[in-house]
C-alpha atoms as a PDB file:
ATOM      1  CA  MET A   1      27.275   8.758   8.883  1.00  0.00           C
ATOM      2  CA  LYS A   2      26.579   8.292   5.175  1.00  0.00           C
ATOM      3  CA  VAL A   3      23.743   6.082   3.953  1.00  0.00           C
ATOM      4  CA  THR A   4      26.276   3.964   2.080  1.00  0.00           C
ATOM      5  CA  GLU A   5      28.123   3.392   5.364  1.00  0.00           C
ATOM      6  CA  HIS A   6      24.871   2.380   7.072  1.00  0.00           C
ATOM      7  CA  ILE A   7      24.342  -0.147   4.281  1.00  0.00           C
ATOM      8  CA  GLU A   8      27.863  -1.533   4.693  1.00  0.00           C
ATOM      9  CA  ASN A   9      27.288  -1.856   8.451  1.00  0.00           C
ATOM     10  CA  LYS A  10      23.943  -3.646   8.268  1.00  0.00           C
ATOM     11  CA  ASN A  11      25.507  -6.966   9.399  1.00  0.00           C
ATOM     12  CA  GLY A  12      23.317  -9.094   7.162  1.00  0.00           C
ATOM     13  CA  ASN A  13      20.036  -7.698   8.516  1.00  0.00           C
ATOM     14  CA  THR A  14      17.579  -5.545   6.594  1.00  0.00           C
ATOM     15  CA  GLN A  15      17.196  -2.209   8.381  1.00  0.00           C
ATOM     16  CA  PHE A  16      14.280   0.174   8.863  1.00  0.00           C
ATOM     17  CA  SER A  17      14.039   3.800   7.769  1.00  0.00           C
ATOM     18  CA  PHE A  18      11.205   6.191   7.083  1.00  0.00           C
ATOM     19  CA  GLU A  19      10.272   9.569   5.643  1.00  0.00           C
ATOM     20  CA  ILE A  20       8.307  12.392   7.247  1.00  0.00           C
ATOM     21  CA  LEU A  21       6.596  15.550   6.020  1.00  0.00           C
ATOM     22  CA  PRO A  22       7.346  18.929   7.561  1.00  0.00           C
ATOM     23  CA  PRO A  23       4.305  20.015   9.570  1.00  0.00           C
ATOM     24  CA  LEU A  24       1.776  22.449   8.207  1.00  0.00           C
ATOM     25  CA  LYS A  25       2.594  26.075   8.913  1.00  0.00           C
ATOM     26  CA  GLY A  26       1.523  27.014  12.428  1.00  0.00           C
ATOM     27  CA  ARG A  27       2.433  23.718  14.058  1.00  0.00           C
ATOM     28  CA  ASN A  28       5.530  23.374  16.214  1.00  0.00           C
ATOM     29  CA  ILE A  29       8.387  20.888  16.337  1.00  0.00           C
ATOM     30  CA  GLN A  30       6.600  18.751  18.917  1.00  0.00           C
ATOM     31  CA  SER A  31       4.162  17.646  16.221  1.00  0.00           C
ATOM     32  CA  VAL A  32       7.178  16.239  14.346  1.00  0.00           C
ATOM     33  CA  PHE A  33       8.508  14.484  17.441  1.00  0.00           C
ATOM     34  CA  ASN A  34       5.074  12.995  18.115  1.00  0.00           C
ATOM     35  CA  SER A  35       5.157  11.251  14.731  1.00  0.00           C
ATOM     36  CA  ILE A  36       8.764  10.088  15.138  1.00  0.00           C
ATOM     37  CA  ASP A  37       8.734   8.896  18.768  1.00  0.00           C
ATOM     38  CA  PRO A  38       6.608   5.740  18.196  1.00  0.00           C
ATOM     39  CA  LEU A  39       9.054   4.538  15.514  1.00  0.00           C
ATOM     40  CA  MET A  40      12.357   5.041  17.319  1.00  0.00           C
ATOM     41  CA  GLU A  41      12.226   1.643  19.071  1.00  0.00           C
ATOM     42  CA  PHE A  42      12.969   0.082  15.655  1.00  0.00           C
ATOM     43  CA  LYS A  43      16.314   1.932  15.555  1.00  0.00           C
ATOM     44  CA  PRO A  44      16.193   3.691  12.190  1.00  0.00           C
ATOM     45  CA  PRO A  45      19.722   4.779  11.198  1.00  0.00           C
ATOM     46  CA  PHE A  46      18.282   7.663   9.207  1.00  0.00           C
ATOM     47  CA  ILE A  47      15.063   9.640   8.684  1.00  0.00           C
ATOM     48  CA  ASP A  48      14.209  11.469   5.468  1.00  0.00           C
ATOM     49  CA  VAL A  49      12.565  14.900   5.597  1.00  0.00           C
ATOM     50  CA  THR A  50      10.745  16.094   2.493  1.00  0.00           C
ATOM     51  CA  TYR A  51      10.936  19.621   1.148  1.00  0.00           C
ATOM     52  CA  HIS A  52       7.714  21.251  -0.022  1.00  0.00           C
ATOM     53  CA  ARG A  53       8.187  24.160  -2.358  1.00  0.00           C
ATOM     54  CA  GLU A  54       6.017  27.243  -2.514  1.00  0.00           C
ATOM     55  CA  GLU A  55       2.593  27.325  -4.139  1.00  0.00           C
ATOM     56  CA  TYR A  56       0.915  30.210  -5.914  1.00  0.00           C
ATOM     57  CA  VAL A  57      -2.550  31.557  -5.279  1.00  0.00           C
ATOM     58  CA  TYR A  58      -4.271  34.410  -7.073  1.00  0.00           C
ATOM     59  CA  LYS A  59      -6.223  36.933  -4.990  1.00  0.00           C
ATOM     60  CA  GLU A  60      -8.594  39.458  -6.473  1.00  0.00           C
ATOM     61  CA  MET A  61      -7.735  43.061  -5.601  1.00  0.00           C
ATOM     62  CA  GLU A  62     -10.192  45.926  -5.174  1.00  0.00           C
ATOM     63  CA  ASN A  63      -9.592  47.043  -8.766  1.00  0.00           C
ATOM     64  CA  GLY A  64     -10.618  43.618 -10.033  1.00  0.00           C
ATOM     65  CA  LEU A  65      -7.134  42.554 -11.068  1.00  0.00           C
ATOM     66  CA  LEU A  66      -5.590  39.346  -9.799  1.00  0.00           C
ATOM     67  CA  GLN A  67      -2.505  39.439  -7.598  1.00  0.00           C
ATOM     68  CA  LYS A  68      -0.139  36.471  -7.582  1.00  0.00           C
ATOM     69  CA  LYS A  69       0.860  35.516  -4.046  1.00  0.00           C
ATOM     70  CA  ILE A  70       3.391  32.930  -2.872  1.00  0.00           C
ATOM     71  CA  VAL A  71       2.217  30.579  -0.125  1.00  0.00           C
ATOM     72  CA  ARG A  72       4.451  28.229   1.851  1.00  0.00           C
ATOM     73  CA  LYS A  73       2.379  25.550   3.557  1.00  0.00           C
ATOM     74  CA  ARG A  74       5.174  23.369   4.982  1.00  0.00           C
ATOM     75  CA  PRO A  75       8.283  25.315   6.010  1.00  0.00           C
ATOM     76  CA  GLY A  76      11.262  24.102   7.974  1.00  0.00           C
ATOM     77  CA  THR A  77      13.163  21.181   6.355  1.00  0.00           C
ATOM     78  CA  VAL A  78      16.595  22.425   7.460  1.00  0.00           C
ATOM     79  CA  GLY A  79      15.446  23.213  11.004  1.00  0.00           C
ATOM     80  CA  ILE A  80      13.622  19.888  11.305  1.00  0.00           C
ATOM     81  CA  CYS A  81      16.737  17.983  10.208  1.00  0.00           C
ATOM     82  CA  ALA A  82      18.827  19.819  12.785  1.00  0.00           C
ATOM     83  CA  ALA A  83      16.256  19.079  15.507  1.00  0.00           C
ATOM     84  CA  ILE A  84      16.092  15.374  14.590  1.00  0.00           C
ATOM     85  CA  GLN A  85      19.856  14.941  14.683  1.00  0.00           C
ATOM     86  CA  ASN A  86      20.091  16.806  17.991  1.00  0.00           C
ATOM     87  CA  LYS A  87      17.251  14.930  19.708  1.00  0.00           C
ATOM     88  CA  TYR A  88      17.550  11.401  18.333  1.00  0.00           C
ATOM     89  CA  LYS A  89      21.239  11.167  17.348  1.00  0.00           C
ATOM     90  CA  VAL A  90      20.340   9.633  13.978  1.00  0.00           C
ATOM     91  CA  ASP A  91      21.074  10.932  10.499  1.00  0.00           C
ATOM     92  CA  ALA A  92      18.455  13.254   9.023  1.00  0.00           C
ATOM     93  CA  ILE A  93      18.326  13.383   5.239  1.00  0.00           C
ATOM     94  CA  PRO A  94      16.828  16.525   3.716  1.00  0.00           C
ATOM     95  CA  HIS A  95      15.312  16.513   0.248  1.00  0.00           C
ATOM     96  CA  VAL A  96      16.894  19.113  -2.032  1.00  0.00           C
ATOM     97  CA  LEU A  97      14.804  20.175  -5.025  1.00  0.00           C
ATOM     98  CA  CYS A  98      15.384  21.763  -8.387  1.00  0.00           C
ATOM     99  CA  GLY A  99      11.972  23.443  -8.298  1.00  0.00           C
ATOM    100  CA  GLY A 100      11.907  26.772  -6.489  1.00  0.00           C
ATOM    101  CA  PHE A 101      15.700  27.033  -6.236  1.00  0.00           C
ATOM    102  CA  THR A 102      18.282  28.923  -8.251  1.00  0.00           C
ATOM    103  CA  LYS A 103      21.747  27.388  -8.315  1.00  0.00           C
ATOM    104  CA  GLU A 104      22.851  30.017  -5.799  1.00  0.00           C
ATOM    105  CA  ASP A 105      19.910  29.150  -3.536  1.00  0.00           C
ATOM    106  CA  THR A 106      20.949  25.504  -3.761  1.00  0.00           C
ATOM    107  CA  GLU A 107      24.544  26.309  -2.858  1.00  0.00           C
ATOM    108  CA  ASN A 108      23.466  28.323   0.191  1.00  0.00           C
ATOM    109  CA  PHE A 109      21.096  25.529   1.224  1.00  0.00           C
ATOM    110  CA  LEU A 110      23.911  22.981   1.007  1.00  0.00           C
ATOM    111  CA  ILE A 111      26.297  25.224   2.951  1.00  0.00           C
ATOM    112  CA  ASP A 112      23.759  25.465   5.786  1.00  0.00           C
ATOM    113  CA  LEU A 113      23.357  21.672   5.795  1.00  0.00           C
ATOM    114  CA  ASP A 114      27.119  21.222   5.895  1.00  0.00           C
ATOM    115  CA  PHE A 115      27.378  23.609   8.864  1.00  0.00           C
ATOM    116  CA  LEU A 116      24.822  21.455  10.696  1.00  0.00           C
ATOM    117  CA  GLY A 117      26.851  18.281  10.177  1.00  0.00           C
ATOM    118  CA  ILE A 118      24.335  16.708   7.816  1.00  0.00           C
ATOM    119  CA  ASP A 119      26.070  14.041   5.722  1.00  0.00           C
ATOM    120  CA  ASN A 120      23.359  13.019   3.235  1.00  0.00           C
ATOM    121  CA  VAL A 121      20.929  14.658   0.822  1.00  0.00           C
ATOM    122  CA  MET A 122      18.235  13.373  -1.530  1.00  0.00           C
ATOM    123  CA  ALA A 123      18.527  15.234  -4.846  1.00  0.00           C
ATOM    124  CA  LEU A 124      15.171  15.483  -6.627  1.00  0.00           C
ATOM    125  CA  ARG A 125      13.757  17.495  -9.473  1.00  0.00           C
ATOM    126  CA  GLY A 126      10.452  17.929  -7.660  1.00  0.00           C
ATOM    127  CA  ASP A 127       6.959  18.279  -9.064  1.00  0.00           C
ATOM    128  CA  ALA A 128       5.314  21.156 -10.839  1.00  0.00           C
ATOM    129  CA  VAL A 129       3.427  23.555  -8.590  1.00  0.00           C
ATOM    130  CA  LYS A 130      -0.347  23.119  -8.654  1.00  0.00           C
ATOM    131  CA  SER A 131      -0.833  26.176 -10.855  1.00  0.00           C
ATOM    132  CA  GLU A 132       1.392  24.692 -13.600  1.00  0.00           C
ATOM    133  CA  VAL A 133       0.759  21.685 -15.820  1.00  0.00           C
ATOM    134  CA  TYR A 134       4.441  20.957 -16.391  1.00  0.00           C
ATOM    135  CA  PHE A 135       7.498  21.462 -14.225  1.00  0.00           C
ATOM    136  CA  LYS A 136       9.124  24.857 -14.745  1.00  0.00           C
ATOM    137  CA  PRO A 137      12.598  25.468 -13.292  1.00  0.00           C
ATOM    138  CA  GLU A 138      13.657  28.739 -11.750  1.00  0.00           C
ATOM    139  CA  LYS A 139      15.670  31.120 -13.894  1.00  0.00           C
ATOM    140  CA  ASP A 140      19.274  29.944 -13.381  1.00  0.00           C
ATOM    141  CA  GLY A 141      17.981  26.847 -11.626  1.00  0.00           C
ATOM    142  CA  HIS A 142      18.335  23.176 -12.516  1.00  0.00           C
ATOM    143  CA  CYS A 143      15.932  21.590 -14.991  1.00  0.00           C
ATOM    144  CA  TYR A 144      16.731  18.026 -13.923  1.00  0.00           C
ATOM    145  CA  ALA A 145      18.048  16.177 -10.884  1.00  0.00           C
ATOM    146  CA  GLU A 146      21.130  15.217 -12.913  1.00  0.00           C
ATOM    147  CA  GLY A 147      22.341  18.832 -12.757  1.00  0.00           C
ATOM    148  CA  LEU A 148      21.487  19.092  -9.070  1.00  0.00           C
ATOM    149  CA  VAL A 149      23.532  15.963  -8.294  1.00  0.00           C
ATOM    150  CA  ASP A 150      26.447  17.452 -10.214  1.00  0.00           C
ATOM    151  CA  GLN A 151      26.284  20.676  -8.201  1.00  0.00           C
ATOM    152  CA  VAL A 152      26.398  18.753  -4.921  1.00  0.00           C
ATOM    153  CA  ILE A 153      29.370  16.698  -6.126  1.00  0.00           C
ATOM    154  CA  GLN A 154      31.186  19.819  -7.320  1.00  0.00           C
ATOM    155  CA  LEU A 155      30.747  21.345  -3.852  1.00  0.00           C
ATOM    156  CA  ASN A 156      32.185  18.107  -2.437  1.00  0.00           C
ATOM    157  CA  LYS A 157      35.275  18.959  -4.504  1.00  0.00           C
ATOM    158  CA  GLY A 158      35.373  22.492  -3.096  1.00  0.00           C
ATOM    159  CA  ARG A 159      34.108  24.082  -6.304  1.00  0.00           C
ATOM    160  CA  TYR A 160      31.779  26.972  -5.506  1.00  0.00           C
ATOM    161  CA  LEU A 161      29.646  28.775  -8.085  1.00  0.00           C
ATOM    162  CA  ASP A 162      31.520  32.069  -8.038  1.00  0.00           C
ATOM    163  CA  GLY A 163      34.891  30.371  -8.550  1.00  0.00           C
ATOM    164  CA  GLU A 164      36.458  33.060  -6.392  1.00  0.00           C
ATOM    165  CA  THR A 165      35.834  31.770  -2.875  1.00  0.00           C
ATOM    166  CA  VAL A 166      39.095  31.814  -0.930  1.00  0.00           C
ATOM    167  CA  ASN A 167      40.180  28.811   1.167  1.00  0.00           C
ATOM    168  CA  GLN A 168      37.258  26.715  -0.001  1.00  0.00           C
ATOM    169  CA  SER A 169      36.038  24.063   2.419  1.00  0.00           C
ATOM    170  CA  LYS A 170      34.945  20.841   0.713  1.00  0.00           C
ATOM    171  CA  THR A 171      31.613  19.359   1.678  1.00  0.00           C
ATOM    172  CA  ASP A 172      31.229  15.583   1.919  1.00  0.00           C
ATOM    173  CA  PHE A 173      27.615  14.782   1.076  1.00  0.00           C
ATOM    174  CA  CYS A 174      26.387  11.316   0.180  1.00  0.00           C
ATOM    175  CA  VAL A 175      23.762  11.841  -2.515  1.00  0.00           C
ATOM    176  CA  GLY A 176      20.624   9.766  -2.999  1.00  0.00           C
ATOM    177  CA  VAL A 177      18.268   9.959  -5.963  1.00  0.00           C
ATOM    178  CA  ALA A 178      14.814   8.675  -6.840  1.00  0.00           C
ATOM    179  CA  GLY A 179      14.025   5.640  -8.976  1.00  0.00           C
ATOM    180  CA  TYR A 180      10.665   4.663 -10.455  1.00  0.00           C
ATOM    181  CA  PRO A 181       9.876   0.930 -10.758  1.00  0.00           C
ATOM    182  CA  GLU A 182       6.845   1.827 -12.897  1.00  0.00           C
ATOM    183  CA  LYS A 183       8.711   4.707 -14.636  1.00  0.00           C
ATOM    184  CA  HIS A 184       8.434   8.438 -14.052  1.00  0.00           C
ATOM    185  CA  MET A 185       5.154   9.812 -15.381  1.00  0.00           C
ATOM    186  CA  GLU A 186       6.974  12.044 -17.885  1.00  0.00           C
ATOM    187  CA  ALA A 187       9.314   9.352 -19.228  1.00  0.00           C
ATOM    188  CA  PRO A 188       8.330   7.854 -22.598  1.00  0.00           C
ATOM    189  CA  SER A 189       9.363   4.366 -21.460  1.00  0.00           C
ATOM    190  CA  LEU A 190      10.903   2.514 -18.540  1.00  0.00           C
ATOM    191  CA  GLN A 191      14.080   1.962 -20.560  1.00  0.00           C
ATOM    192  CA  SER A 192      14.513   5.684 -21.196  1.00  0.00           C
ATOM    193  CA  ASP A 193      13.778   6.423 -17.554  1.00  0.00           C
ATOM    194  CA  ILE A 194      16.546   4.038 -16.480  1.00  0.00           C
ATOM    195  CA  ALA A 195      18.890   5.782 -18.914  1.00  0.00           C
ATOM    196  CA  TYR A 196      18.135   9.100 -17.163  1.00  0.00           C
ATOM    197  CA  LEU A 197      18.653   7.414 -13.808  1.00  0.00           C
ATOM    198  CA  LYS A 198      22.048   6.146 -14.931  1.00  0.00           C
ATOM    199  CA  LYS A 199      23.087   9.709 -15.761  1.00  0.00           C
ATOM    200  CA  LYS A 200      22.385  10.714 -12.161  1.00  0.00           C
ATOM    201  CA  ILE A 201      24.546   7.861 -10.929  1.00  0.00           C
ATOM    202  CA  GLU A 202      27.334   8.801 -13.335  1.00  0.00           C
ATOM    203  CA  LYS A 203      27.239  12.347 -11.953  1.00  0.00           C
ATOM    204  CA  GLY A 204      27.970  10.955  -8.487  1.00  0.00           C
ATOM    205  CA  ALA A 205      24.805   9.740  -6.767  1.00  0.00           C
ATOM    206  CA  SER A 206      25.558   6.859  -4.366  1.00  0.00           C
ATOM    207  CA  TYR A 207      22.183   5.207  -3.801  1.00  0.00           C
ATOM    208  CA  ILE A 208      18.611   5.060  -5.073  1.00  0.00           C
ATOM    209  CA  VAL A 209      15.314   5.132  -3.159  1.00  0.00           C
ATOM    210  CA  THR A 210      12.290   4.070  -5.179  1.00  0.00           C
ATOM    211  CA  GLN A 211       8.881   5.574  -5.592  1.00  0.00           C
ATOM    212  CA  LEU A 212       6.223   3.627  -3.706  1.00  0.00           C
ATOM    213  CA  PHE A 213       4.902   0.447  -5.320  1.00  0.00           C
ATOM    214  CA  PHE A 214       2.505  -2.333  -4.346  1.00  0.00           C
ATOM    215  CA  ASP A 215       3.720  -5.174  -6.570  1.00  0.00           C
ATOM    216  CA  ASN A 216       7.142  -6.547  -5.646  1.00  0.00           C
ATOM    217  CA  ALA A 217       7.516  -8.140  -9.094  1.00  0.00           C
ATOM    218  CA  LYS A 218       7.778  -4.633 -10.560  1.00  0.00           C
ATOM    219  CA  PHE A 219      10.512  -3.724  -8.083  1.00  0.00           C
ATOM    220  CA  PHE A 220      12.527  -6.855  -8.858  1.00  0.00           C
ATOM    221  CA  GLU A 221      12.144  -6.239 -12.598  1.00  0.00           C
ATOM    222  CA  PHE A 222      13.282  -2.644 -12.102  1.00  0.00           C
ATOM    223  CA  VAL A 223      16.367  -3.718 -10.144  1.00  0.00           C
ATOM    224  CA  ALA A 224      17.238  -6.317 -12.794  1.00  0.00           C
ATOM    225  CA  ALA A 225      16.891  -3.703 -15.539  1.00  0.00           C
ATOM    226  CA  CYS A 226      19.103  -1.272 -13.610  1.00  0.00           C
ATOM    227  CA  ARG A 227      21.801  -3.905 -13.132  1.00  0.00           C
ATOM    228  CA  LYS A 228      21.602  -4.873 -16.810  1.00  0.00           C
ATOM    229  CA  ASN A 229      22.224  -1.222 -17.694  1.00  0.00           C
ATOM    230  CA  GLY A 230      25.274  -0.907 -15.460  1.00  0.00           C
ATOM    231  CA  ILE A 231      23.710   0.710 -12.387  1.00  0.00           C
ATOM    232  CA  THR A 232      25.425  -0.945  -9.433  1.00  0.00           C
ATOM    233  CA  VAL A 233      24.598   1.346  -6.482  1.00  0.00           C
ATOM    234  CA  PRO A 234      22.251   0.143  -3.696  1.00  0.00           C
ATOM    235  CA  ILE A 235      18.537   0.369  -4.510  1.00  0.00           C
ATOM    236  CA  ILE A 236      16.256   0.874  -1.498  1.00  0.00           C
ATOM    237  CA  PRO A 237      12.539   0.105  -1.939  1.00  0.00           C
ATOM    238  CA  GLY A 238      10.038   2.741  -0.835  1.00  0.00           C
ATOM    239  CA  LEU A 239       6.821   1.390   0.680  1.00  0.00           C
ATOM    240  CA  LYS A 240       3.538   2.886   1.813  1.00  0.00           C
ATOM    241  CA  PRO A 241       0.536   1.066   3.289  1.00  0.00           C
ATOM    242  CA  ILE A 242      -2.750   2.054   1.716  1.00  0.00           C
ATOM    243  CA  SER A 243      -5.132   3.472   4.331  1.00  0.00           C
ATOM    244  CA  THR A 244      -8.357   4.742   2.723  1.00  0.00           C
ATOM    245  CA  LYS A 245     -10.673   3.693  -0.092  1.00  0.00           C
ATOM    246  CA  LYS A 246     -10.094   7.061  -1.756  1.00  0.00           C
ATOM    247  CA  GLN A 247      -6.473   6.085  -2.290  1.00  0.00           C
ATOM    248  CA  LEU A 248      -7.594   3.508  -4.862  1.00  0.00           C
ATOM    249  CA  THR A 249      -7.939   6.462  -7.230  1.00  0.00           C
ATOM    250  CA  ILE A 250      -5.693   9.052  -5.571  1.00  0.00           C
ATOM    251  CA  LEU A 251      -2.488   6.958  -5.574  1.00  0.00           C
ATOM    252  CA  PRO A 252      -2.627   5.949  -9.252  1.00  0.00           C
ATOM    253  CA  HIS A 253      -3.381   9.563 -10.202  1.00  0.00           C
ATOM    254  CA  ARG A 254      -0.788  11.259  -7.987  1.00  0.00           C
ATOM    255  CA  PHE A 255       2.030   8.722  -8.085  1.00  0.00           C
ATOM    256  CA  HIS A 256       1.270   6.914 -11.362  1.00  0.00           C
ATOM    257  CA  VAL A 257       1.429   3.449  -9.838  1.00  0.00           C
ATOM    258  CA  ASP A 258      -0.727   0.380 -10.379  1.00  0.00           C
ATOM    259  CA  LEU A 259      -2.517  -1.368  -7.550  1.00  0.00           C
ATOM    260  CA  PRO A 260      -2.645  -5.166  -7.838  1.00  0.00           C
ATOM    261  CA  GLU A 261      -6.099  -6.600  -8.505  1.00  0.00           C
ATOM    262  CA  ALA A 262      -5.923  -8.763  -5.358  1.00  0.00           C
ATOM    263  CA  LEU A 263      -5.280  -5.704  -3.180  1.00  0.00           C
ATOM    264  CA  THR A 264      -8.000  -3.688  -4.905  1.00  0.00           C
ATOM    265  CA  LYS A 265     -10.583  -6.436  -4.379  1.00  0.00           C
ATOM    266  CA  GLN A 266      -9.739  -6.708  -0.671  1.00  0.00           C
ATOM    267  CA  ILE A 267     -10.138  -2.969  -0.182  1.00  0.00           C
ATOM    268  CA  LEU A 268     -13.417  -2.776  -2.056  1.00  0.00           C
ATOM    269  CA  LYS A 269     -14.836  -5.408   0.310  1.00  0.00           C
ATOM    270  CA  CYS A 270     -13.993  -3.277   3.380  1.00  0.00           C
ATOM    271  CA  LYS A 271     -16.930  -1.664   5.196  1.00  0.00           C
ATOM    272  CA  ASP A 272     -14.917   1.328   6.444  1.00  0.00           C
ATOM    273  CA  ASN A 273     -11.447   2.871   6.400  1.00  0.00           C
ATOM    274  CA  LYS A 274     -10.509   1.141   9.645  1.00  0.00           C
ATOM    275  CA  ALA A 275     -10.789  -2.156   7.772  1.00  0.00           C
ATOM    276  CA  VAL A 276      -8.911  -0.642   4.821  1.00  0.00           C
ATOM    277  CA  ARG A 277      -6.021   0.339   7.088  1.00  0.00           C
ATOM    278  CA  GLN A 278      -5.751  -3.223   8.352  1.00  0.00           C
ATOM    279  CA  VAL A 279      -5.698  -4.570   4.801  1.00  0.00           C
ATOM    280  CA  GLY A 280      -3.028  -2.015   3.924  1.00  0.00           C
ATOM    281  CA  VAL A 281      -0.880  -2.998   6.899  1.00  0.00           C
ATOM    282  CA  GLU A 282      -1.145  -6.708   6.137  1.00  0.00           C
ATOM    283  CA  TRP A 283      -0.331  -6.191   2.456  1.00  0.00           C
ATOM    284  CA  CYS A 284       2.703  -4.052   3.318  1.00  0.00           C
ATOM    285  CA  ILE A 285       3.931  -6.639   5.855  1.00  0.00           C
ATOM    286  CA  ALA A 286       3.711  -9.342   3.170  1.00  0.00           C
ATOM    287  CA  GLN A 287       5.567  -7.099   0.711  1.00  0.00           C
ATOM    288  CA  SER A 288       8.236  -6.364   3.298  1.00  0.00           C
ATOM    289  CA  LYS A 289       8.788 -10.008   4.233  1.00  0.00           C
ATOM    290  CA  GLU A 290       9.355 -10.959   0.597  1.00  0.00           C
ATOM    291  CA  LEU A 291      11.814  -8.090   0.137  1.00  0.00           C
ATOM    292  CA  ILE A 292      13.704  -9.025   3.314  1.00  0.00           C
ATOM    293  CA  LYS A 293      14.153 -12.569   1.956  1.00  0.00           C
ATOM    294  CA  SER A 294      15.859 -10.994  -1.067  1.00  0.00           C
ATOM    295  CA  ASP A 295      18.549  -9.418   1.152  1.00  0.00           C
ATOM    296  CA  ILE A 296      17.396  -5.826   0.616  1.00  0.00           C
ATOM    297  CA  PRO A 297      19.637  -3.546   2.764  1.00  0.00           C
ATOM    298  CA  PHE A 298      16.867  -1.169   3.883  1.00  0.00           C
ATOM    299  CA  LEU A 299      13.108  -0.932   3.754  1.00  0.00           C
ATOM    300  CA  HIS A 300      12.068   2.708   3.552  1.00  0.00           C
ATOM    301  CA  TYR A 301       8.524   3.649   4.578  1.00  0.00           C
ATOM    302  CA  TYR A 302       6.593   6.750   3.569  1.00  0.00           C
ATOM    303  CA  SER A 303       4.837   7.733   6.784  1.00  0.00           C
ATOM    304  CA  MET A 304       3.179  10.922   5.438  1.00  0.00           C
ATOM    305  CA  GLY A 305       3.400  12.268   8.991  1.00  0.00           C
ATOM    306  CA  LYS A 306       1.326   9.432  10.501  1.00  0.00           C
ATOM    307  CA  SER A 307       3.166   6.683  12.321  1.00  0.00           C
ATOM    308  CA  ASP A 308       0.511   4.312  13.675  1.00  0.00           C
ATOM    309  CA  ASN A 309       0.262   1.991  10.662  1.00  0.00           C
ATOM    310  CA  ILE A 310       4.033   2.121  10.042  1.00  0.00           C
ATOM    311  CA  ARG A 311       4.538   1.101  13.674  1.00  0.00           C
ATOM    312  CA  LYS A 312       2.263  -1.926  13.216  1.00  0.00           C
ATOM    313  CA  ILE A 313       4.284  -2.980  10.190  1.00  0.00           C
ATOM    314  CA  ALA A 314       7.669  -2.424  11.816  1.00  0.00           C
ATOM    315  CA  SER A 315       6.667  -4.330  14.965  1.00  0.00           C
ATOM    316  CA  ASN A 316       6.119  -7.415  12.783  1.00  0.00           C
ATOM    317  CA  LEU A 317       9.460  -7.136  11.039  1.00  0.00           C
ATOM    318  CA  PHE A 318      12.206  -5.388  13.010  1.00  0.00           C
END
């Protein structure tokens, strides 16, 4: 079922969904199930699965020269989505990236997803690899998520890249895209970022999931700005409970989000990370309750592969 259909069928109640990471290379599918199982009692209609592109490392050879080597730390998004749908009978939503993919790679990826009966994809540009300062697309790949959305929609119309495929079968993907309540780090302003977001919607995206945030006022302002600019699709808030003191600096650096002063002060008073996790859970519960009162269709939680704190939150809400 499409995410938009899940939203239409919510029967007035805010629903629960979450996102997982593929496991590190060397771990098996049971490690994925172990993180999902504790959350299934809250009946998530869908589960997102991130895609982690390759990284580059440079190894010194015997002659002293450096050899560039590709490393994949988290394989398996397609296989994980298939396993989730088979085991749990819920929709799995793979992330599809611009980075690391040519347009042909993207088409083949989408064909495989269609064969598996996957109805939804999240179309994202993706981040630069660690060895690059700025995002660099593949040769004959997409520079921006706008182009990626368009390719998915064209395949939904039965339009393949070669233009010569006989008896084309149309796909029927529902496409989600990312939104940034505090703007994307590369956007010159929030207004320009919303203009880019609108282009993705005009290309055919059907819903938006936001970057994590800790101040609901910024989410509500973002939604109001989107509506003012003619974006009418559902906007799903993305939430993550803070869990360590280190995240006071890591989250602003990595995700370019602000942490409210009240939350920061509470965390700084904590004696250990166990206390921090409790503060993070309580803050996220309070955030969630306020969002539910605003008739948000879904609350989407970034589990980062760990379900214990998400379970505590969900047990208070769903």
